[in-house]
PDB file of N, CA and C in Angstrom:
ATOM      1  N   MET A   1      -6.165   0.641 -20.643  1.00  0.00           N
ATOM      2  CA  MET A   1      -5.712  -0.976 -20.547  1.00  0.00           C
ATOM      3  C   MET A   1      -6.298  -1.003 -18.806  1.00  0.00           C
ATOM      4  N   GLY A   2      -6.287  -2.881 -18.748  1.00  0.00           N
ATOM      5  CA  GLY A   2      -7.063  -2.952 -17.754  1.00  0.00           C
ATOM      6  C   GLY A   2      -5.964  -3.178 -16.563  1.00  0.00           C
ATOM      7  N   GLN A   3      -6.221  -3.617 -14.990  1.00  0.00           N
ATOM      8  CA  GLN A   3      -5.411  -4.228 -13.963  1.00  0.00           C
ATOM      9  C   GLN A   3      -5.185  -5.788 -14.752  1.00  0.00           C
ATOM     10  N   LEU A   4      -3.735  -5.635 -13.742  1.00  0.00           N
ATOM     11  CA  LEU A   4      -2.857  -6.301 -14.115  1.00  0.00           C
ATOM     12  C   LEU A   4      -3.208  -7.487 -12.901  1.00  0.00           C
ATOM     13  N   SER A   5      -4.212  -8.670 -13.042  1.00  0.00           N
ATOM     14  CA  SER A   5      -4.073 -10.200 -11.791  1.00  0.00           C
ATOM     15  C   SER A   5      -3.120 -10.970 -11.961  1.00  0.00           C
ATOM     16  N   HIS A   6      -2.643 -11.310 -10.937  1.00  0.00           N
ATOM     17  CA  HIS A   6      -1.727 -12.281 -10.625  1.00  0.00           C
ATOM     18  C   HIS A   6      -1.472 -12.439  -9.587  1.00  0.00           C
ATOM     19  N   VAL A   7      -1.589 -13.989  -8.932  1.00  0.00           N
ATOM     20  CA  VAL A   7      -0.980 -14.832  -7.518  1.00  0.00           C
ATOM     21  C   VAL A   7      -0.429 -14.918  -7.238  1.00  0.00           C
ATOM     22  N   PRO A   8       0.391 -14.176  -6.564  1.00  0.00           N
ATOM     23  CA  PRO A   8       2.198 -14.729  -6.015  1.00  0.00           C
ATOM     24  C   PRO A   8       1.720 -15.957  -5.647  1.00  0.00           C
ATOM     25  N   ASN A   9       3.253 -16.491  -5.558  1.00  0.00           N
ATOM     26  CA  ASN A   9       3.664 -17.590  -4.601  1.00  0.00           C
ATOM     27  C   ASN A   9       4.636 -16.892  -3.761  1.00  0.00           C
ATOM     28  N   SER A  10       5.155 -17.918  -3.163  1.00  0.00           N
ATOM     29  CA  SER A  10       6.282 -17.490  -2.407  1.00  0.00           C
ATOM     30  C   SER A  10       7.685 -17.014  -2.951  1.00  0.00           C
ATOM     31  N   GLU A  11       7.750 -18.087  -4.257  1.00  0.00           N
ATOM     32  CA  GLU A  11       9.464 -17.073  -4.824  1.00  0.00           C
ATOM     33  C   GLU A  11       9.223 -16.309  -5.373  1.00  0.00           C
ATOM     34  N   ASP A  12       7.685 -15.346  -5.909  1.00  0.00           N
ATOM     35  CA  ASP A  12       7.703 -14.154  -6.517  1.00  0.00           C
ATOM     36  C   ASP A  12       8.073 -13.337  -5.071  1.00  0.00           C
ATOM     37  N   LEU A  13       7.229 -13.233  -4.199  1.00  0.00           N
ATOM     38  CA  LEU A  13       6.976 -13.018  -3.196  1.00  0.00           C
ATOM     39  C   LEU A  13       8.830 -12.945  -2.480  1.00  0.00           C
ATOM     40  N   VAL A  14       9.471 -13.894  -2.542  1.00  0.00           N
ATOM     41  CA  VAL A  14      11.340 -13.968  -1.875  1.00  0.00           C
ATOM     42  C   VAL A  14      11.871 -12.990  -2.891  1.00  0.00           C
ATOM     43  N   PHE A  15      11.647 -12.579  -4.323  1.00  0.00           N
ATOM     44  CA  PHE A  15      12.351 -11.891  -5.511  1.00  0.00           C
ATOM     45  C   PHE A  15      11.744 -10.304  -5.397  1.00  0.00           C
ATOM     46  N   MET A  16      10.478 -10.464  -4.774  1.00  0.00           N
ATOM     47  CA  MET A  16      10.297  -8.315  -4.786  1.00  0.00           C
ATOM     48  C   MET A  16      10.553  -8.156  -3.183  1.00  0.00           C
ATOM     49  N   LYS A  17      10.573  -8.760  -2.008  1.00  0.00           N
ATOM     50  CA  LYS A  17      11.049  -8.768  -0.821  1.00  0.00           C
ATOM     51  C   LYS A  17      12.777  -8.147  -1.276  1.00  0.00           C
ATOM     52  N   ASP A  18      13.239  -9.271  -1.983  1.00  0.00           N
ATOM     53  CA  ASP A  18      15.227  -8.613  -2.039  1.00  0.00           C
ATOM     54  C   ASP A  18      15.444  -7.379  -2.960  1.00  0.00           C
ATOM     55  N   LEU A  19      13.966  -7.295  -3.648  1.00  0.00           N
ATOM     56  CA  LEU A  19      14.438  -6.044  -4.429  1.00  0.00           C
ATOM     57  C   LEU A  19      14.118  -5.005  -3.421  1.00  0.00           C
ATOM     58  N   VAL A  20      12.706  -5.010  -2.891  1.00  0.00           N
ATOM     59  CA  VAL A  20      12.502  -3.656  -1.773  1.00  0.00           C
ATOM     60  C   VAL A  20      14.059  -3.640  -0.560  1.00  0.00           C
ATOM     61  N   GLU A  21      14.775  -5.085  -0.161  1.00  0.00           N
ATOM     62  CA  GLU A  21      15.229  -4.955   0.899  1.00  0.00           C
ATOM     63  C   GLU A  21      16.496  -4.121   0.309  1.00  0.00           C
ATOM     64  N   SER A  22      16.809  -4.499  -1.506  1.00  0.00           N
ATOM     65  CA  SER A  22      18.357  -4.092  -1.852  1.00  0.00           C
ATOM     66  C   SER A  22      18.004  -2.898  -2.177  1.00  0.00           C
ATOM     67  N   GLY A  23      16.881  -1.920  -2.307  1.00  0.00           N
ATOM     68  CA  GLY A  23      16.861  -0.681  -2.911  1.00  0.00           C
ATOM     69  C   GLY A  23      16.402  -0.936  -4.245  1.00  0.00           C
ATOM     70  N   LYS A  24      16.235  -1.422  -4.527  1.00  0.00           N
ATOM     71  CA  LYS A  24      16.280  -1.481  -6.179  1.00  0.00           C
ATOM     72  C   LYS A  24      14.570  -1.242  -6.702  1.00  0.00           C
ATOM     73  N   VAL A  25      14.397  -1.033  -5.576  1.00  0.00           N
ATOM     74  CA  VAL A  25      12.318  -1.569  -5.948  1.00  0.00           C
ATOM     75  C   VAL A  25      11.856  -0.379  -4.693  1.00  0.00           C
ATOM     76  N   LYS A  26      11.153   0.727  -4.497  1.00  0.00           N
ATOM     77  CA  LYS A  26      10.806   1.723  -3.384  1.00  0.00           C
ATOM     78  C   LYS A  26       9.520   2.125  -3.448  1.00  0.00           C
ATOM     79  N   PRO A  27       8.489   1.492  -2.491  1.00  0.00           N
ATOM     80  CA  PRO A  27       7.376   1.825  -2.314  1.00  0.00           C
ATOM     81  C   PRO A  27       6.824   3.156  -2.875  1.00  0.00           C
ATOM     82  N   ILE A  28       5.957   3.654  -2.955  1.00  0.00           N
ATOM     83  CA  ILE A  28       5.395   5.173  -2.950  1.00  0.00           C
ATOM     84  C   ILE A  28       4.612   5.268  -1.991  1.00  0.00           C
ATOM     85  N   ILE A  29       4.745   5.706  -0.834  1.00  0.00           N
ATOM     86  CA  ILE A  29       3.207   6.196  -0.202  1.00  0.00           C
ATOM     87  C   ILE A  29       2.561   7.690   0.095  1.00  0.00           C
ATOM     88  N   GLU A  30       1.488   7.806  -1.038  1.00  0.00           N
ATOM     89  CA  GLU A  30       1.339   9.000  -0.635  1.00  0.00           C
ATOM     90  C   GLU A  30       0.287   9.440   0.504  1.00  0.00           C
ATOM     91  N   LYS A  31      -0.303   8.949   1.272  1.00  0.00           N
ATOM     92  CA  LYS A  31      -1.040   9.385   1.933  1.00  0.00           C
ATOM     93  C   LYS A  31      -1.428   8.090   2.861  1.00  0.00           C
ATOM     94  N   GLN A  32      -1.278   8.405   4.268  1.00  0.00           N
ATOM     95  CA  GLN A  32      -1.163   7.743   5.188  1.00  0.00           C
ATOM     96  C   GLN A  32      -2.588   7.647   6.487  1.00  0.00           C
ATOM     97  N   TYR A  33      -3.093   6.804   7.043  1.00  0.00           N
ATOM     98  CA  TYR A  33      -4.228   7.238   7.404  1.00  0.00           C
ATOM     99  C   TYR A  33      -4.147   6.459   8.955  1.00  0.00           C
ATOM    100  N   THR A  34      -5.433   6.598  10.101  1.00  0.00           N
ATOM    101  CA  THR A  34      -5.734   6.150  11.162  1.00  0.00           C
ATOM    102  C   THR A  34      -6.556   4.614  10.511  1.00  0.00           C
ATOM    103  N   LEU A  35      -6.516   4.251  11.383  1.00  0.00           N
ATOM    104  CA  LEU A  35      -7.802   3.157  11.151  1.00  0.00           C
ATOM    105  C   LEU A  35      -8.965   4.116  11.860  1.00  0.00           C
ATOM    106  N   ASN A  36      -9.181   5.042  12.884  1.00  0.00           N
ATOM    107  CA  ASN A  36     -10.413   5.816  12.360  1.00  0.00           C
ATOM    108  C   ASN A  36     -10.959   6.789  11.419  1.00  0.00           C
ATOM    109  N   GLU A  37      -9.796   6.873  10.672  1.00  0.00           N
ATOM    110  CA  GLU A  37      -9.403   7.522   9.093  1.00  0.00           C
ATOM    111  C   GLU A  37      -9.879   6.819   8.160  1.00  0.00           C
ATOM    112  N   ALA A  38     -10.378   5.619   8.229  1.00  0.00           N
ATOM    113  CA  ALA A  38     -10.626   4.787   7.067  1.00  0.00           C
ATOM    114  C   ALA A  38     -11.889   5.323   6.414  1.00  0.00           C
ATOM    115  N   ALA A  39     -12.774   5.595   6.250  1.00  0.00           N
ATOM    116  CA  ALA A  39     -13.184   6.588   5.485  1.00  0.00           C
ATOM    117  C   ALA A  39     -13.505   7.386   4.969  1.00  0.00           C
ATOM    118  N   ASP A  40     -12.234   8.148   5.090  1.00  0.00           N
ATOM    119  CA  ASP A  40     -11.661   9.439   4.656  1.00  0.00           C
ATOM    120  C   ASP A  40     -10.511   8.695   3.784  1.00  0.00           C
ATOM    121  N   ALA A  41      -9.635   7.270   4.072  1.00  0.00           N
ATOM    122  CA  ALA A  41      -8.855   7.095   3.150  1.00  0.00           C
ATOM    123  C   ALA A  41      -9.936   6.005   2.084  1.00  0.00           C
ATOM    124  N   LEU A  42     -10.789   5.818   2.141  1.00  0.00           N
ATOM    125  CA  LEU A  42     -11.705   4.945   1.119  1.00  0.00           C
ATOM    126  C   LEU A  42     -12.219   6.376   0.514  1.00  0.00           C
ATOM    127  N   ASP A  43     -12.475   7.265   0.486  1.00  0.00           N
ATOM    128  CA  ASP A  43     -13.441   8.370   0.126  1.00  0.00           C
ATOM    129  C   ASP A  43     -11.682   9.077  -1.425  1.00  0.00           C
ATOM    130  N   TYR A  44     -10.470   9.470  -0.968  1.00  0.00           N
ATOM    131  CA  TYR A  44      -9.586   9.738  -0.928  1.00  0.00           C
ATOM    132  C   TYR A  44      -9.508   8.728  -2.086  1.00  0.00           C
ATOM    133  N   TYR A  45      -9.171   7.421  -1.995  1.00  0.00           N
ATOM    134  CA  TYR A  45      -8.450   6.182  -3.164  1.00  0.00           C
ATOM    135  C   TYR A  45     -10.058   6.455  -4.078  1.00  0.00           C
ATOM    136  N   SER A  46     -11.170   6.774  -3.582  1.00  0.00           N
ATOM    137  CA  SER A  46     -12.221   6.500  -5.116  1.00  0.00           C
ATOM    138  C   SER A  46     -12.330   7.364  -5.651  1.00  0.00           C
ATOM    139  N   ASP A  47     -11.867   8.479  -5.329  1.00  0.00           N
ATOM    140  CA  ASP A  47     -11.909  10.225  -5.873  1.00  0.00           C
ATOM    141  C   ASP A  47     -11.111  10.234  -6.899  1.00  0.00           C
ATOM    142  N   GLY A  48     -10.387   8.893  -7.082  1.00  0.00           N
ATOM    143  CA  GLY A  48      -9.111   9.662  -8.615  1.00  0.00           C
ATOM    144  C   GLY A  48      -7.963   8.662  -8.723  1.00  0.00           C
ATOM    145  N   HIS A  49      -7.085   8.959  -9.026  1.00  0.00           N
ATOM    146  CA  HIS A  49      -5.835   7.762  -9.068  1.00  0.00           C
ATOM    147  C   HIS A  49      -5.154   8.206  -8.438  1.00  0.00           C
ATOM    148  N   PRO A  50      -4.876   7.429  -7.216  1.00  0.00           N
ATOM    149  CA  PRO A  50      -3.784   8.103  -6.475  1.00  0.00           C
ATOM    150  C   PRO A  50      -2.422   7.609  -6.956  1.00  0.00           C
ATOM    151  N   LEU A  51      -1.605   8.769  -7.309  1.00  0.00           N
ATOM    152  CA  LEU A  51       0.060   8.495  -7.494  1.00  0.00           C
ATOM    153  C   LEU A  51       0.809   7.387  -6.527  1.00  0.00           C
ATOM    154  N   GLY A  52       0.083   7.247  -5.717  1.00  0.00           N
ATOM    155  CA  GLY A  52       1.237   6.503  -4.597  1.00  0.00           C
ATOM    156  C   GLY A  52       0.380   5.200  -3.585  1.00  0.00           C
ATOM    157  N   LYS A  53       0.298   4.823  -2.700  1.00  0.00           N
ATOM    158  CA  LYS A  53      -0.075   3.932  -1.684  1.00  0.00           C
ATOM    159  C   LYS A  53      -0.693   4.560  -0.963  1.00  0.00           C
ATOM    160  N   VAL A  54      -2.108   4.013  -0.729  1.00  0.00           N
ATOM    161  CA  VAL A  54      -2.960   5.294   0.106  1.00  0.00           C
ATOM    162  C   VAL A  54      -3.143   3.497   1.586  1.00  0.00           C
ATOM    163  N   VAL A  55      -2.842   4.358   2.710  1.00  0.00           N
ATOM    164  CA  VAL A  55      -2.159   3.150   3.766  1.00  0.00           C
ATOM    165  C   VAL A  55      -3.027   3.747   4.781  1.00  0.00           C
ATOM    166  N   ILE A  56      -3.570   2.194   5.178  1.00  0.00           N
ATOM    167  CA  ILE A  56      -4.715   2.735   6.707  1.00  0.00           C
ATOM    168  C   ILE A  56      -3.661   1.993   7.953  1.00  0.00           C
ATOM    169  N   ASN A  57      -3.541   2.571   8.650  1.00  0.00           N
ATOM    170  CA  ASN A  57      -1.753   2.021   9.453  1.00  0.00           C
ATOM    171  C   ASN A  57      -2.742   1.606  10.822  1.00  0.00           C
ATOM    172  N   ILE A  58      -2.759   0.410  11.034  1.00  0.00           N
ATOM    173  CA  ILE A  58      -3.640  -0.188  12.281  1.00  0.00           C
ATOM    174  C   ILE A  58      -2.886   0.248  13.499  1.00  0.00           C
ATOM    175  N   ALA A  59      -1.832  -0.016  13.589  1.00  0.00           N
ATOM    176  CA  ALA A  59      -0.907   0.449  14.600  1.00  0.00           C
ATOM    177  C   ALA A  59      -0.864   1.263  15.434  1.00  0.00           C
ATOM    178  N   ASP A  60      -1.380   2.308  15.056  1.00  0.00           N
ATOM    179  CA  ASP A  60      -1.938   3.694  15.543  1.00  0.00           C
ATOM    180  C   ASP A  60      -2.984   3.547  16.777  1.00  0.00           C
ATOM    181  N   MET A  61      -3.011   2.497  16.886  1.00  0.00           N
ATOM    182  CA  MET A  61      -4.705   2.367  17.874  1.00  0.00           C
ATOM    183  C   MET A  61      -4.372   1.481  18.924  1.00  0.00           C
ATOM    184  N   GLU A  62      -2.717   1.146  18.623  1.00  0.00           N
ATOM    185  CA  GLU A  62      -3.083   0.794  20.230  1.00  0.00           C
ATOM    186  C   GLU A  62      -2.323   1.601  20.937  1.00  0.00           C
ATOM    187  N   SER A  63      -2.044   3.127  20.804  1.00  0.00           N
ATOM    188  CA  SER A  63      -2.377   4.810  21.506  1.00  0.00           C
ATOM    189  C   SER A  63      -3.127   4.798  22.096  1.00  0.00           C
ATOM    190  N   GLU A  64      -4.580   4.502  21.417  1.00  0.00           N
ATOM    191  CA  GLU A  64      -5.668   5.479  21.638  1.00  0.00           C
ATOM    192  C   GLU A  64      -5.963   4.984  22.602  1.00  0.00           C
TER     193      GLU A  64
END
């Protein structure tokens, strides 16, 4: 099965926002990395199929 491709529009984004805010949909974050660890994040992602989202957090850069 290939990847599903869809170009979101504002109505779709509002619908998804409402689902997340109501708790009906919960994003699963498997791992988080700082921007300095972006290469590690890409390596982790490319090694297989993560079960959740792999996040690169740029907010951590403000404290460095």
